[in-house]
């Protein structure tokens, strides 16, 4: 999947054409969005898979790790995670 070709990222291809556990995160609108706890766990696992081989000093990897940890915490506390 090329994000530049996807809906919401400048393209017109809908995410429904793909199956990947990261899609719920990519489909979120820019404000007032949330993910339910069960989805947080699934997305966090996939996010960790995606950034696993990135250099440890990569700021995007550090941000992705922070997000994955927050999603795992939301899952453990059975709380949705919101994005504002």
Protein backbone atom coordinates (compact mmCIF):
# COMPACT_ATOMS: atom_id res chain seq x y z
CA UNK A 1 0.00 0.00 0.00
CA UNK A 2 1.31 3.42 -0.95
CA UNK A 3 -0.10 5.96 1.53
CA UNK A 4 0.11 8.76 -1.02
CA UNK A 5 -2.50 6.91 -3.08
CA UNK A 6 -4.89 6.30 -0.15
CA UNK A 7 -8.00 8.27 0.83
CA UNK A 8 -7.09 10.84 3.45
CA UNK A 9 -3.48 10.97 2.29
CA UNK A 10 -3.98 12.66 -1.08
CA UNK A 11 -5.23 9.71 -3.11
CA UNK A 12 -8.53 8.08 -3.85
CA UNK A 13 -7.98 4.41 -3.01
CA UNK A 14 -10.15 3.34 -0.05
CA UNK A 15 -8.59 1.42 2.83
CA UNK A 16 -11.35 -1.17 2.51
CA UNK A 17 -9.36 -2.57 -0.44
CA UNK A 18 -6.68 -3.73 2.02
CA UNK A 19 -6.40 -5.91 5.09
CA UNK A 20 -3.83 -4.83 7.66
CA UNK A 21 -4.06 -4.32 11.42
CA UNK A 22 -2.62 -0.80 11.11
CA UNK A 23 -5.57 0.45 9.04
CA UNK A 24 -7.79 1.54 11.98
CA UNK A 25 -5.04 4.01 12.96
CA UNK A 26 -4.57 5.27 9.40
CA UNK A 27 -8.30 5.79 8.87
CA UNK A 28 -8.73 8.10 11.88
CA UNK A 29 -9.76 11.66 11.21
CA UNK A 30 -7.47 14.42 12.42
CA UNK A 31 -9.62 15.39 15.40
CA UNK A 32 -12.07 13.96 17.87
CA UNK A 33 -11.14 10.37 17.04
CA UNK A 34 -10.67 7.36 19.26
CA UNK A 35 -9.85 3.66 19.13
CA UNK A 36 -11.51 1.09 21.37
CA UNK A 37 -9.30 -0.99 23.71
CA UNK A 38 -9.39 -4.19 21.64
CA UNK A 39 -8.42 -2.27 18.50
CA UNK A 40 -5.62 -0.52 20.42
CA UNK A 41 -3.99 -3.83 21.22
CA UNK A 42 -4.17 -5.07 17.62
CA UNK A 43 -2.83 -1.79 16.20
CA UNK A 44 -0.03 -1.63 18.79
CA UNK A 45 1.17 -5.12 17.88
CA UNK A 46 1.22 -4.23 14.17
CA UNK A 47 2.88 -0.88 14.82
CA UNK A 48 5.69 -2.58 16.73
CA UNK A 49 6.16 -5.00 13.80
CA UNK A 50 6.43 -2.11 11.36
CA UNK A 51 9.07 -0.12 13.23
CA UNK A 52 11.02 -3.07 14.63
CA UNK A 53 13.94 -2.73 12.20
CA UNK A 54 14.14 1.05 12.15
CA UNK A 55 17.27 2.60 13.72
CA UNK A 56 16.91 3.11 17.47
CA UNK A 57 17.80 6.80 17.20
CA UNK A 58 15.05 7.47 14.61
CA UNK A 59 12.61 10.04 16.04
CA UNK A 60 9.73 8.40 14.16
CA UNK A 61 10.56 5.09 15.83
CA UNK A 62 10.59 6.77 19.24
CA UNK A 63 7.20 8.38 18.53
CA UNK A 64 5.76 5.09 17.24
CA UNK A 65 7.02 3.32 20.37
CA UNK A 66 5.39 5.97 22.56
CA UNK A 67 2.11 5.55 20.66
CA UNK A 68 2.27 1.74 20.88
CA UNK A 69 2.88 1.94 24.64
CA UNK A 70 -0.10 4.29 25.04
CA UNK A 71 -2.31 1.94 23.06
CA UNK A 72 -1.19 -1.04 25.13
CA UNK A 73 -1.94 0.90 28.30
CA UNK A 74 -5.40 1.82 27.00
CA UNK A 75 -6.06 -1.85 26.27
CA UNK A 76 -4.88 -2.93 29.74
CA UNK A 77 -7.09 -0.31 31.39
CA UNK A 78 -10.01 -1.16 29.06
CA UNK A 79 -10.26 2.47 28.00
CA UNK A 80 -10.47 3.92 24.51
CA UNK A 81 -7.58 6.08 23.40
CA UNK A 82 -8.52 9.43 21.95
CA UNK A 83 -6.76 11.66 19.47
CA UNK A 84 -7.47 15.37 19.60
